[in-house]
N, C-alpha and C. Protein backbone atom coordinates (compact mmCIF):
# COMPACT_ATOMS: atom_id res chain seq x y z
N MET A 1 78.33 -78.40 36.00
CA MET A 1 79.16 -79.24 35.15
C MET A 1 78.32 -79.85 34.03
N GLN A 2 77.12 -80.31 34.37
CA GLN A 2 76.26 -80.97 33.38
C GLN A 2 75.86 -80.00 32.27
N SER A 3 75.55 -78.74 32.63
CA SER A 3 75.13 -77.78 31.59
C SER A 3 76.31 -77.42 30.69
N LYS A 4 77.52 -77.36 31.25
CA LYS A 4 78.70 -77.09 30.44
C LYS A 4 78.93 -78.22 29.44
N LEU A 5 78.77 -79.45 29.90
CA LEU A 5 78.93 -80.62 29.03
C LEU A 5 77.88 -80.60 27.92
N LYS A 6 76.63 -80.31 28.28
CA LYS A 6 75.57 -80.26 27.28
C LYS A 6 75.81 -79.17 26.24
N SER A 7 76.29 -78.01 26.68
CA SER A 7 76.51 -76.93 25.72
C SER A 7 77.67 -77.26 24.79
N ARG A 8 78.74 -77.88 25.30
CA ARG A 8 79.85 -78.27 24.44
C ARG A 8 79.43 -79.35 23.45
N LEU A 9 78.62 -80.31 23.92
CA LEU A 9 78.13 -81.36 23.03
C LEU A 9 77.23 -80.76 21.95
N ALA A 10 76.38 -79.82 22.31
CA ALA A 10 75.51 -79.17 21.33
C ALA A 10 76.33 -78.42 20.28
N LEU A 11 77.39 -77.73 20.71
CA LEU A 11 78.24 -77.01 19.76
C LEU A 11 78.93 -77.97 18.79
N LEU A 12 79.43 -79.08 19.32
CA LEU A 12 80.10 -80.06 18.46
C LEU A 12 79.11 -80.68 17.47
N GLU A 13 77.91 -81.03 17.95
CA GLU A 13 76.91 -81.60 17.06
C GLU A 13 76.51 -80.60 15.97
N LYS A 14 76.38 -79.34 16.34
CA LYS A 14 76.02 -78.31 15.36
C LYS A 14 77.13 -78.15 14.32
N ALA A 15 78.37 -78.16 14.77
CA ALA A 15 79.51 -78.03 13.84
C ALA A 15 79.59 -79.22 12.90
N MET A 16 79.30 -80.40 13.39
CA MET A 16 79.39 -81.60 12.56
C MET A 16 78.30 -81.61 11.48
N ARG A 17 77.15 -81.01 11.75
CA ARG A 17 76.09 -80.96 10.74
C ARG A 17 76.49 -80.09 9.55
N LYS A 18 77.35 -79.10 9.78
CA LYS A 18 77.74 -78.16 8.73
C LYS A 18 78.89 -78.68 7.87
N LEU A 19 79.55 -79.72 8.30
CA LEU A 19 80.72 -80.20 7.58
C LEU A 19 80.33 -80.89 6.26
N PRO A 20 81.20 -80.80 5.27
CA PRO A 20 80.96 -81.52 4.02
C PRO A 20 81.13 -83.02 4.25
N PRO A 21 80.81 -83.83 3.27
CA PRO A 21 80.99 -85.27 3.41
C PRO A 21 82.43 -85.59 3.81
N PRO A 22 82.64 -86.69 4.52
CA PRO A 22 83.97 -87.02 5.00
C PRO A 22 84.97 -87.25 3.88
N ALA A 23 86.23 -86.96 4.18
CA ALA A 23 87.29 -87.16 3.19
C ALA A 23 87.65 -88.63 3.04
N VAL A 24 87.37 -89.40 4.07
CA VAL A 24 87.68 -90.83 4.03
C VAL A 24 86.41 -91.60 3.66
N PRO A 25 86.36 -92.19 2.46
CA PRO A 25 85.15 -92.93 2.09
C PRO A 25 85.07 -94.25 2.84
N GLY A 26 83.88 -94.73 3.04
CA GLY A 26 83.72 -96.02 3.68
C GLY A 26 82.58 -95.99 4.68
N PRO A 27 82.07 -97.15 4.98
CA PRO A 27 80.91 -97.24 5.86
C PRO A 27 81.26 -97.21 7.35
N SER A 28 82.54 -97.20 7.70
CA SER A 28 82.94 -97.29 9.10
C SER A 28 82.63 -95.99 9.86
N PRO A 29 81.80 -96.06 10.91
CA PRO A 29 81.53 -94.87 11.72
C PRO A 29 82.79 -94.32 12.38
N ALA A 30 83.72 -95.19 12.76
CA ALA A 30 84.97 -94.72 13.37
C ALA A 30 85.78 -93.90 12.39
N LEU A 31 85.87 -94.36 11.14
CA LEU A 31 86.59 -93.59 10.12
C LEU A 31 85.88 -92.27 9.84
N LEU A 32 84.58 -92.29 9.83
CA LEU A 32 83.79 -91.08 9.60
C LEU A 32 84.07 -90.06 10.70
N LEU A 33 84.02 -90.49 11.95
CA LEU A 33 84.28 -89.58 13.07
C LEU A 33 85.71 -89.06 13.03
N ALA A 34 86.68 -89.93 12.80
CA ALA A 34 88.08 -89.51 12.74
C ALA A 34 88.29 -88.51 11.61
N SER A 35 87.65 -88.74 10.48
CA SER A 35 87.76 -87.85 9.33
C SER A 35 87.17 -86.49 9.64
N ARG A 36 86.02 -86.47 10.26
CA ARG A 36 85.38 -85.20 10.57
C ARG A 36 86.15 -84.42 11.62
N LEU A 37 86.70 -85.11 12.60
CA LEU A 37 87.53 -84.43 13.59
C LEU A 37 88.77 -83.85 12.91
N ALA A 38 89.37 -84.60 12.00
CA ALA A 38 90.55 -84.12 11.27
C ALA A 38 90.21 -82.89 10.43
N GLU A 39 89.05 -82.88 9.82
CA GLU A 39 88.63 -81.72 9.03
C GLU A 39 88.46 -80.48 9.89
N MET A 40 88.16 -80.70 11.18
CA MET A 40 88.03 -79.59 12.12
C MET A 40 89.39 -79.20 12.71
N GLY A 41 90.45 -79.89 12.28
CA GLY A 41 91.78 -79.58 12.76
C GLY A 41 92.18 -80.32 14.02
N ILE A 42 91.44 -81.36 14.36
CA ILE A 42 91.73 -82.12 15.58
C ILE A 42 92.28 -83.48 15.16
N GLU A 43 93.58 -83.62 15.26
CA GLU A 43 94.26 -84.85 14.84
C GLU A 43 94.49 -85.77 16.04
N ARG A 44 94.46 -87.07 15.78
CA ARG A 44 94.76 -88.05 16.82
C ARG A 44 96.25 -88.05 17.12
N GLY A 45 96.57 -88.18 18.39
CA GLY A 45 97.96 -88.30 18.80
C GLY A 45 98.46 -89.70 18.51
N PRO A 46 99.78 -89.92 18.56
CA PRO A 46 100.34 -91.23 18.22
C PRO A 46 99.86 -92.37 19.11
N SER A 47 99.59 -92.09 20.36
CA SER A 47 99.13 -93.16 21.27
C SER A 47 97.74 -92.82 21.82
N GLU A 48 96.96 -92.08 21.04
CA GLU A 48 95.65 -91.63 21.49
C GLU A 48 94.54 -92.43 20.79
N SER A 49 93.56 -92.86 21.56
CA SER A 49 92.43 -93.57 20.97
C SER A 49 91.46 -92.56 20.36
N LEU A 50 90.55 -93.06 19.55
CA LEU A 50 89.54 -92.18 18.96
C LEU A 50 88.66 -91.58 20.06
N ALA A 51 88.39 -92.34 21.10
CA ALA A 51 87.61 -91.82 22.23
C ALA A 51 88.36 -90.68 22.92
N ASP A 52 89.67 -90.85 23.11
CA ASP A 52 90.48 -89.78 23.72
C ASP A 52 90.42 -88.52 22.87
N THR A 53 90.55 -88.67 21.56
CA THR A 53 90.52 -87.53 20.65
C THR A 53 89.17 -86.84 20.69
N THR A 54 88.10 -87.64 20.71
CA THR A 54 86.75 -87.08 20.76
C THR A 54 86.53 -86.30 22.04
N ALA A 55 86.95 -86.88 23.16
CA ALA A 55 86.81 -86.20 24.45
C ALA A 55 87.61 -84.89 24.44
N ARG A 56 88.83 -84.92 23.92
CA ARG A 56 89.66 -83.73 23.84
C ARG A 56 88.98 -82.66 22.98
N ALA A 57 88.38 -83.08 21.87
CA ALA A 57 87.69 -82.14 20.99
C ALA A 57 86.50 -81.48 21.70
N MET A 58 85.86 -82.24 22.57
CA MET A 58 84.71 -81.72 23.31
C MET A 58 85.12 -80.93 24.55
N GLY A 59 86.40 -81.01 24.92
CA GLY A 59 86.87 -80.29 26.09
C GLY A 59 86.50 -80.97 27.40
N ILE A 60 86.32 -82.29 27.35
CA ILE A 60 85.95 -83.03 28.54
C ILE A 60 86.93 -84.20 28.73
N SER A 61 86.82 -84.85 29.87
CA SER A 61 87.68 -86.01 30.13
C SER A 61 87.06 -87.25 29.50
N ILE A 62 87.87 -88.29 29.37
CA ILE A 62 87.38 -89.56 28.82
C ILE A 62 86.32 -90.15 29.74
N VAL A 63 86.45 -89.93 31.04
CA VAL A 63 85.46 -90.43 32.00
C VAL A 63 84.12 -89.75 31.76
N GLN A 64 84.15 -88.43 31.52
CA GLN A 64 82.91 -87.71 31.24
C GLN A 64 82.29 -88.16 29.92
N LEU A 65 83.12 -88.41 28.91
CA LEU A 65 82.61 -88.90 27.63
C LEU A 65 81.95 -90.26 27.80
N ARG A 66 82.60 -91.15 28.53
CA ARG A 66 82.03 -92.48 28.77
C ARG A 66 80.68 -92.36 29.48
N ALA A 67 80.59 -91.49 30.47
CA ALA A 67 79.33 -91.28 31.20
C ALA A 67 78.24 -90.76 30.27
N LYS A 68 78.60 -89.82 29.40
CA LYS A 68 77.61 -89.24 28.47
C LYS A 68 77.14 -90.30 27.48
N LEU A 69 78.06 -91.09 26.95
CA LEU A 69 77.67 -92.15 26.00
C LEU A 69 76.80 -93.20 26.68
N TRP A 70 77.09 -93.49 27.92
CA TRP A 70 76.29 -94.45 28.70
C TRP A 70 74.86 -93.95 28.82
N LEU A 71 74.71 -92.65 29.14
CA LEU A 71 73.36 -92.07 29.28
C LEU A 71 72.63 -92.06 27.94
N VAL A 72 73.31 -91.68 26.88
CA VAL A 72 72.69 -91.63 25.56
C VAL A 72 72.25 -93.03 25.11
N ALA A 73 73.02 -94.03 25.50
CA ALA A 73 72.70 -95.40 25.12
C ALA A 73 71.58 -96.01 25.96
N GLY A 74 71.09 -95.24 26.92
CA GLY A 74 69.97 -95.73 27.74
C GLY A 74 70.38 -96.28 29.08
N GLY A 75 71.62 -96.06 29.46
CA GLY A 75 72.08 -96.51 30.78
C GLY A 75 71.46 -95.67 31.87
N SER A 76 71.54 -96.15 33.06
CA SER A 76 70.96 -95.37 34.17
C SER A 76 71.98 -95.06 35.23
């Protein structure tokens, strides 16, 4: 499971490096992420959080996304 998560995360990170500047100007990281996901054809649902959309784009659950972010942030 961990290697599948890592490979999906690596693919998403690689795809995001190739994207042009975001369509939504502004310093907000949330707007930047939402814009880049939209450019990739991944739109937020009407009652979906940005975290839900990000997890869906990565093909993982929100619980798995939270765990990955916790590890990246230095959690144990």
